[in-house]
C-alpha atoms as a PDB file:
ATOM      1  CA  MET A   1     -16.146  -2.210  67.131  1.00  0.00           C
ATOM      2  CA  LEU A   2     -12.555  -1.385  67.370  1.00  0.00           C
ATOM      3  CA  ARG A   3     -11.386   1.825  66.748  1.00  0.00           C
ATOM      4  CA  ILE A   4      -7.607   2.210  66.292  1.00  0.00           C
ATOM      5  CA  PHE A   5      -5.754   5.730  65.837  1.00  0.00           C
ATOM      6  CA  VAL A   6      -2.181   6.371  65.175  1.00  0.00           C
ATOM      7  CA  THR A   7      -0.246   9.552  65.046  1.00  0.00           C
ATOM      8  CA  LYS A   8       2.856  11.075  64.140  1.00  0.00           C
ATOM      9  CA  PHE A   9       3.639   7.698  62.717  1.00  0.00           C
ATOM     10  CA  LEU A  10       7.224   6.846  61.268  1.00  0.00           C
ATOM     11  CA  ASP A  11       7.880  10.720  62.323  1.00  0.00           C
ATOM     12  CA  TYR A  12      10.685  11.496  60.355  1.00  0.00           C
ATOM     13  CA  PHE A  13       8.491  10.790  56.819  1.00  0.00           C
ATOM     14  CA  ILE A  14       5.154  10.887  57.636  1.00  0.00           C
ATOM     15  CA  ASP A  15       2.644  12.686  60.131  1.00  0.00           C
ATOM     16  CA  TYR A  16      -0.830  11.562  59.496  1.00  0.00           C
ATOM     17  CA  SER A  17      -3.559   9.599  61.302  1.00  0.00           C
ATOM     18  CA  PHE A  18      -5.771   6.954  60.406  1.00  0.00           C
ATOM     19  CA  GLY A  19      -8.640   4.709  62.107  1.00  0.00           C
ATOM     20  CA  VAL A  20     -10.152   1.574  60.934  1.00  0.00           C
ATOM     21  CA  ASP A  21     -13.760   0.098  62.094  1.00  0.00           C
ATOM     22  CA  VAL A  22     -13.605  -3.134  61.881  1.00  0.00           C
ATOM     23  CA  TYR A  23     -17.588  -5.002  62.149  1.00  0.00           C
ATOM     24  CA  ASP A  24     -16.463  -8.493  62.050  1.00  0.00           C
ATOM     25  CA  LEU A  25     -13.101  -9.925  63.323  1.00  0.00           C
ATOM     26  CA  ILE A  26     -12.985 -12.673  60.961  1.00  0.00           C
ATOM     27  CA  GLY A  27     -12.140  -9.918  58.197  1.00  0.00           C
ATOM     28  CA  ALA A  28     -15.547 -10.026  56.445  1.00  0.00           C
ATOM     29  CA  GLU A  29     -16.334  -6.402  56.410  1.00  0.00           C
ATOM     30  CA  PHE A  30     -14.417  -3.506  57.560  1.00  0.00           C
ATOM     31  CA  PHE A  31     -14.016   0.006  56.896  1.00  0.00           C
ATOM     32  CA  SER A  32     -10.756   2.103  56.796  1.00  0.00           C
ATOM     33  CA  PHE A  33      -9.640   5.833  56.262  1.00  0.00           C
ATOM     34  CA  ILE A  34      -6.452   7.856  56.031  1.00  0.00           C
ATOM     35  CA  GLU A  35      -6.528  11.503  56.922  1.00  0.00           C
ATOM     36  CA  VAL A  36      -3.410  13.004  55.061  1.00  0.00           C
ATOM     37  CA  LYS A  37      -1.854  15.765  57.510  1.00  0.00           C
ATOM     38  CA  ASN A  38       1.511  16.330  56.417  1.00  0.00           C
ATOM     39  CA  ILE A  39       3.681  14.025  54.116  1.00  0.00           C
ATOM     40  CA  ARG A  40       7.488  15.316  54.267  1.00  0.00           C
ATOM     41  CA  LEU A  41       9.645  15.449  50.687  1.00  0.00           C
ATOM     42  CA  GLN A  42      12.547  12.796  51.318  1.00  0.00           C
ATOM     43  CA  PRO A  43      15.754  13.300  50.507  1.00  0.00           C
ATOM     44  CA  THR A  44      16.864  11.631  47.358  1.00  0.00           C
ATOM     45  CA  GLU A  45      19.490   8.833  48.673  1.00  0.00           C
ATOM     46  CA  ILE A  46      22.509   8.195  46.394  1.00  0.00           C
ATOM     47  CA  LEU A  47      23.352   4.773  46.950  1.00  0.00           C
ATOM     48  CA  PRO A  48      27.149   3.936  46.748  1.00  0.00           C
ATOM     49  CA  GLU A  49      26.800   2.284  43.649  1.00  0.00           C
ATOM     50  CA  ASN A  50      25.418   4.904  41.867  1.00  0.00           C
ATOM     51  CA  LYS A  51      28.023   7.637  42.974  1.00  0.00           C
ATOM     52  CA  LEU A  52      29.548   9.486  40.281  1.00  0.00           C
ATOM     53  CA  TYR A  53      33.363   9.922  40.140  1.00  0.00           C
ATOM     54  CA  ARG A  54      34.377  13.451  39.830  1.00  0.00           C
ATOM     55  CA  GLU A  55      35.186  13.188  36.295  1.00  0.00           C
ATOM     56  CA  ASP A  56      32.418  11.755  35.234  1.00  0.00           C
ATOM     57  CA  LEU A  57      30.172  14.138  37.242  1.00  0.00           C
ATOM     58  CA  ILE A  58      32.002  16.902  35.401  1.00  0.00           C
ATOM     59  CA  GLU A  59      31.691  15.144  32.169  1.00  0.00           C
ATOM     60  CA  LEU A  60      28.054  15.421  32.677  1.00  0.00           C
ATOM     61  CA  LEU A  61      27.779  18.754  34.390  1.00  0.00           C
ATOM     62  CA  ARG A  62      30.112  20.684  32.158  1.00  0.00           C
ATOM     63  CA  GLY A  63      28.191  23.457  30.394  1.00  0.00           C
ATOM     64  CA  LYS A  64      24.960  23.238  32.278  1.00  0.00           C
ATOM     65  CA  GLU A  65      23.174  26.274  32.731  1.00  0.00           C
ATOM     66  CA  VAL A  66      22.146  26.914  36.398  1.00  0.00           C
ATOM     67  CA  LEU A  67      20.326  29.558  38.342  1.00  0.00           C
ATOM     68  CA  ILE A  68      20.950  29.984  41.737  1.00  0.00           C
ATOM     69  CA  ALA A  69      18.920  32.059  44.555  1.00  0.00           C
ATOM     70  CA  ASP A  70      20.075  32.416  47.940  1.00  0.00           C
ATOM     71  CA  ASP A  71      19.927  36.069  50.194  1.00  0.00           C
ATOM     72  CA  ARG A  72      23.157  35.525  51.549  1.00  0.00           C
ATOM     73  CA  GLU A  73      26.046  36.394  49.382  1.00  0.00           C
ATOM     74  CA  LEU A  74      28.766  34.147  51.196  1.00  0.00           C
ATOM     75  CA  ASN A  75      26.243  30.955  50.199  1.00  0.00           C
ATOM     76  CA  LEU A  76      26.172  32.467  46.869  1.00  0.00           C
ATOM     77  CA  ILE A  77      29.810  32.665  46.532  1.00  0.00           C
ATOM     78  CA  ALA A  78      30.478  28.901  47.600  1.00  0.00           C
ATOM     79  CA  MET A  79      27.382  27.464  45.649  1.00  0.00           C
ATOM     80  CA  GLU A  80      29.222  29.321  42.692  1.00  0.00           C
ATOM     81  CA  LYS A  81      32.628  28.176  43.667  1.00  0.00           C
ATOM     82  CA  ASN A  82      31.411  24.533  43.927  1.00  0.00           C
ATOM     83  CA  LEU A  83      29.090  24.429  40.667  1.00  0.00           C
ATOM     84  CA  THR A  84      31.759  26.206  38.377  1.00  0.00           C
ATOM     85  CA  SER A  85      34.504  23.484  39.600  1.00  0.00           C
ATOM     86  CA  PHE A  86      32.570  20.919  37.776  1.00  0.00           C
ATOM     87  CA  GLY A  87      32.154  23.481  34.640  1.00  0.00           C
ATOM     88  CA  MET A  88      28.610  24.598  35.143  1.00  0.00           C
ATOM     89  CA  ASN A  89      27.496  27.945  34.055  1.00  0.00           C
ATOM     90  CA  VAL A  90      26.012  29.649  37.060  1.00  0.00           C
ATOM     91  CA  THR A  91      23.456  32.898  37.099  1.00  0.00           C
ATOM     92  CA  LYS A  92      23.188  34.331  40.668  1.00  0.00           C
ATOM     93  CA  VAL A  93      20.365  36.054  42.315  1.00  0.00           C
ATOM     94  CA  ARG A  94      19.642  37.264  46.018  1.00  0.00           C
ATOM     95  CA  ASN A  95      15.790  36.451  46.278  1.00  0.00           C
ATOM     96  CA  GLY A  96      12.857  34.704  44.764  1.00  0.00           C
ATOM     97  CA  TYR A  97      11.598  37.842  42.687  1.00  0.00           C
ATOM     98  CA  GLU A  98      14.861  38.277  40.872  1.00  0.00           C
ATOM     99  CA  LEU A  99      14.955  34.378  40.126  1.00  0.00           C
ATOM    100  CA  LEU A 100      11.213  34.579  38.626  1.00  0.00           C
ATOM    101  CA  LYS A 101      12.369  37.475  36.707  1.00  0.00           C
ATOM    102  CA  ILE A 102      15.653  35.909  35.393  1.00  0.00           C
ATOM    103  CA  TYR A 103      13.644  32.875  34.868  1.00  0.00           C
ATOM    104  CA  LYS A 104      11.045  33.959  32.434  1.00  0.00           C
ATOM    105  CA  ASN A 105      13.375  36.422  30.721  1.00  0.00           C
ATOM    106  CA  ASN A 106      15.397  33.325  29.399  1.00  0.00           C
ATOM    107  CA  LEU A 107      12.260  31.468  28.459  1.00  0.00           C
ATOM    108  CA  SER A 108      12.276  30.142  24.646  1.00  0.00           C
ATOM    109  CA  GLU A 109       9.192  31.308  22.121  1.00  0.00           C
ATOM    110  CA  ASN A 110       7.748  27.391  23.243  1.00  0.00           C
ATOM    111  CA  GLY A 111       8.268  28.354  26.839  1.00  0.00           C
ATOM    112  CA  GLU A 112      11.527  26.087  27.910  1.00  0.00           C
ATOM    113  CA  SER A 113      14.076  27.589  29.947  1.00  0.00           C
ATOM    114  CA  LYS A 114      17.411  28.340  28.855  1.00  0.00           C
ATOM    115  CA  PHE A 115      18.604  27.078  32.747  1.00  0.00           C
ATOM    116  CA  ASP A 116      19.147  23.207  32.641  1.00  0.00           C
ATOM    117  CA  LEU A 117      18.537  22.839  36.460  1.00  0.00           C
ATOM    118  CA  ILE A 118      17.398  25.410  39.563  1.00  0.00           C
ATOM    119  CA  LEU A 119      19.001  25.962  43.026  1.00  0.00           C
ATOM    120  CA  THR A 120      17.066  28.318  45.564  1.00  0.00           C
ATOM    121  CA  ASP A 121      16.849  28.915  49.181  1.00  0.00           C
ATOM    122  CA  ILE A 122      13.668  28.532  50.820  1.00  0.00           C
ATOM    123  CA  SER A 123      13.763  31.220  53.418  1.00  0.00           C
ATOM    124  CA  MET A 124      13.844  34.435  50.940  1.00  0.00           C
ATOM    125  CA  PRO A 125      12.476  38.210  50.784  1.00  0.00           C
ATOM    126  CA  LEU A 126      10.336  39.197  48.339  1.00  0.00           C
ATOM    127  CA  LYS A 127       9.062  35.446  47.279  1.00  0.00           C
ATOM    128  CA  ASN A 128      10.123  32.364  49.010  1.00  0.00           C
ATOM    129  CA  GLY A 129      11.413  28.980  47.438  1.00  0.00           C
ATOM    130  CA  HIS A 130       7.883  27.355  47.646  1.00  0.00           C
ATOM    131  CA  GLU A 131       6.307  30.302  45.828  1.00  0.00           C
ATOM    132  CA  VAL A 132       9.090  30.436  43.058  1.00  0.00           C
ATOM    133  CA  ALA A 133       8.768  27.130  42.625  1.00  0.00           C
ATOM    134  CA  ALA A 134       5.130  26.683  42.368  1.00  0.00           C
ATOM    135  CA  GLU A 135       4.986  29.874  39.881  1.00  0.00           C
ATOM    136  CA  ILE A 136       7.675  28.212  37.661  1.00  0.00           C
ATOM    137  CA  ARG A 137       5.324  25.361  37.579  1.00  0.00           C
ATOM    138  CA  SER A 138       2.121  26.885  36.794  1.00  0.00           C
ATOM    139  CA  LEU A 139       4.232  28.745  33.912  1.00  0.00           C
ATOM    140  CA  GLU A 140       5.086  25.379  32.684  1.00  0.00           C
ATOM    141  CA  ARG A 141       1.612  24.203  32.865  1.00  0.00           C
ATOM    142  CA  GLU A 142       0.615  27.647  30.505  1.00  0.00           C
ATOM    143  CA  ASN A 143       3.448  26.949  27.984  1.00  0.00           C
ATOM    144  CA  LYS A 144       2.277  23.065  27.664  1.00  0.00           C
ATOM    145  CA  ILE A 145       5.587  22.160  28.631  1.00  0.00           C
ATOM    146  CA  ASP A 146       5.408  18.060  29.873  1.00  0.00           C
ATOM    147  CA  GLN A 147       6.055  17.520  33.215  1.00  0.00           C
ATOM    148  CA  LYS A 148       8.632  14.951  32.219  1.00  0.00           C
ATOM    149  CA  TYR A 149      10.409  17.897  30.532  1.00  0.00           C
ATOM    150  CA  SER A 150      10.011  20.191  33.660  1.00  0.00           C
ATOM    151  CA  ILE A 151      12.874  22.031  35.202  1.00  0.00           C
ATOM    152  CA  PRO A 152      14.741  20.214  38.053  1.00  0.00           C
ATOM    153  CA  ILE A 153      14.261  22.487  41.537  1.00  0.00           C
ATOM    154  CA  ILE A 154      16.540  21.671  44.483  1.00  0.00           C
ATOM    155  CA  ALA A 155      15.661  23.241  47.480  1.00  0.00           C
ATOM    156  CA  ILE A 156      18.305  24.667  49.771  1.00  0.00           C
ATOM    157  CA  SER A 157      17.295  25.061  53.322  1.00  0.00           C
ATOM    158  CA  GLY A 158      18.399  24.685  57.086  1.00  0.00           C
ATOM    159  CA  ASP A 159      15.671  22.911  58.382  1.00  0.00           C
ATOM    160  CA  ASP A 160      14.211  19.827  56.884  1.00  0.00           C
ATOM    161  CA  ASP A 161      10.718  20.370  58.179  1.00  0.00           C
ATOM    162  CA  GLN A 162      10.029  22.600  55.273  1.00  0.00           C
ATOM    163  CA  PHE A 163       9.602  20.333  52.461  1.00  0.00           C
ATOM    164  CA  GLY A 164       6.191  18.775  51.788  1.00  0.00           C
ATOM    165  CA  VAL A 165       5.010  16.615  49.014  1.00  0.00           C
ATOM    166  CA  GLU A 166       2.437  19.174  47.881  1.00  0.00           C
ATOM    167  CA  SER A 167       5.876  20.923  46.912  1.00  0.00           C
ATOM    168  CA  ALA A 168       6.659  21.864  43.453  1.00  0.00           C
ATOM    169  CA  ILE A 169      10.423  21.023  44.650  1.00  0.00           C
ATOM    170  CA  ASN A 170      12.076  17.724  42.867  1.00  0.00           C
ATOM    171  CA  ASP A 171      14.787  17.625  45.633  1.00  0.00           C
ATOM    172  CA  TYR A 172      16.311  19.665  48.468  1.00  0.00           C
ATOM    173  CA  PHE A 173      19.569  19.810  50.166  1.00  0.00           C
ATOM    174  CA  ILE A 174      20.185  20.788  53.725  1.00  0.00           C
ATOM    175  CA  LYS A 175      22.754  23.647  54.440  1.00  0.00           C
ATOM    176  CA  GLY A 176      25.905  22.128  55.959  1.00  0.00           C
ATOM    177  CA  ASP A 177      25.796  18.702  54.384  1.00  0.00           C
ATOM    178  CA  ASP A 178      28.576  17.403  51.998  1.00  0.00           C
ATOM    179  CA  PRO A 179      28.667  19.232  49.376  1.00  0.00           C
ATOM    180  CA  ASP A 180      29.611  16.474  47.160  1.00  0.00           C
ATOM    181  CA  TYR A 181      26.678  15.104  47.777  1.00  0.00           C
ATOM    182  CA  LEU A 182      25.355  18.025  46.506  1.00  0.00           C
ATOM    183  CA  MET A 183      26.320  17.382  43.278  1.00  0.00           C
ATOM    184  CA  GLN A 184      25.284  13.970  43.316  1.00  0.00           C
ATOM    185  CA  LEU A 185      21.728  15.383  43.582  1.00  0.00           C
ATOM    186  CA  ILE A 186      22.204  17.586  41.347  1.00  0.00           C
ATOM    187  CA  ALA A 187      23.510  15.152  38.765  1.00  0.00           C
ATOM    188  CA  ASN A 188      20.921  12.816  39.360  1.00  0.00           C
ATOM    189  CA  ASN A 189      18.224  15.038  38.842  1.00  0.00           C
ATOM    190  CA  LEU A 190      19.958  15.903  35.576  1.00  0.00           C
ATOM    191  CA  THR A 191      19.792  12.272  34.737  1.00  0.00           C
ATOM    192  CA  LYS A 192      16.104  12.207  35.217  1.00  0.00           C
ATOM    193  CA  SER A 193      15.204  15.210  33.232  1.00  0.00           C
ATOM    194  CA  ILE A 194      17.465  13.968  30.290  1.00  0.00           C
ATOM    195  CA  THR A 195      16.438  10.091  30.237  1.00  0.00           C
ATOM    196  CA  HIS A 196      12.746  11.546  30.179  1.00  0.00           C
END
């Protein structure tokens, strides 16, 4: 019997172990298992041919309502400046509790949000970005919002190790990355929600 264990396979993308019991080397009978420990959410790769020019971004993003949360005022100011330069309407909050309060207060009678997108920091007081996203997804389920119409949530963090596929977050942006990439991510996520 041969048992193979592989750990930390493709470390950047996946941490898992798996084993294979081989009873017949000819391949007549074998058993395998995979134990998932942590699968990291991969940031969306925007291919050069899919990048939008600034004019196209402005046309797509103009008038879109975005709710942003960060506990650092300078981050909020920088994000607001970038987003409004593309014609987006911005509502800013300083923590996850405020984000949820504003989100809930802006739901229609059928549970749809007035916001087109949420940008949230992960490490915030009162409620972190993961907790906020999970609660929003729970509200969407309660209101019977079809998953394809769920609000896109993009997390913003200084650490790419904070994102797992079990998260209710659609995408993420690492602080310090190119702000133009953030706008491409936003456009990509909004386009997905429009085309569903």
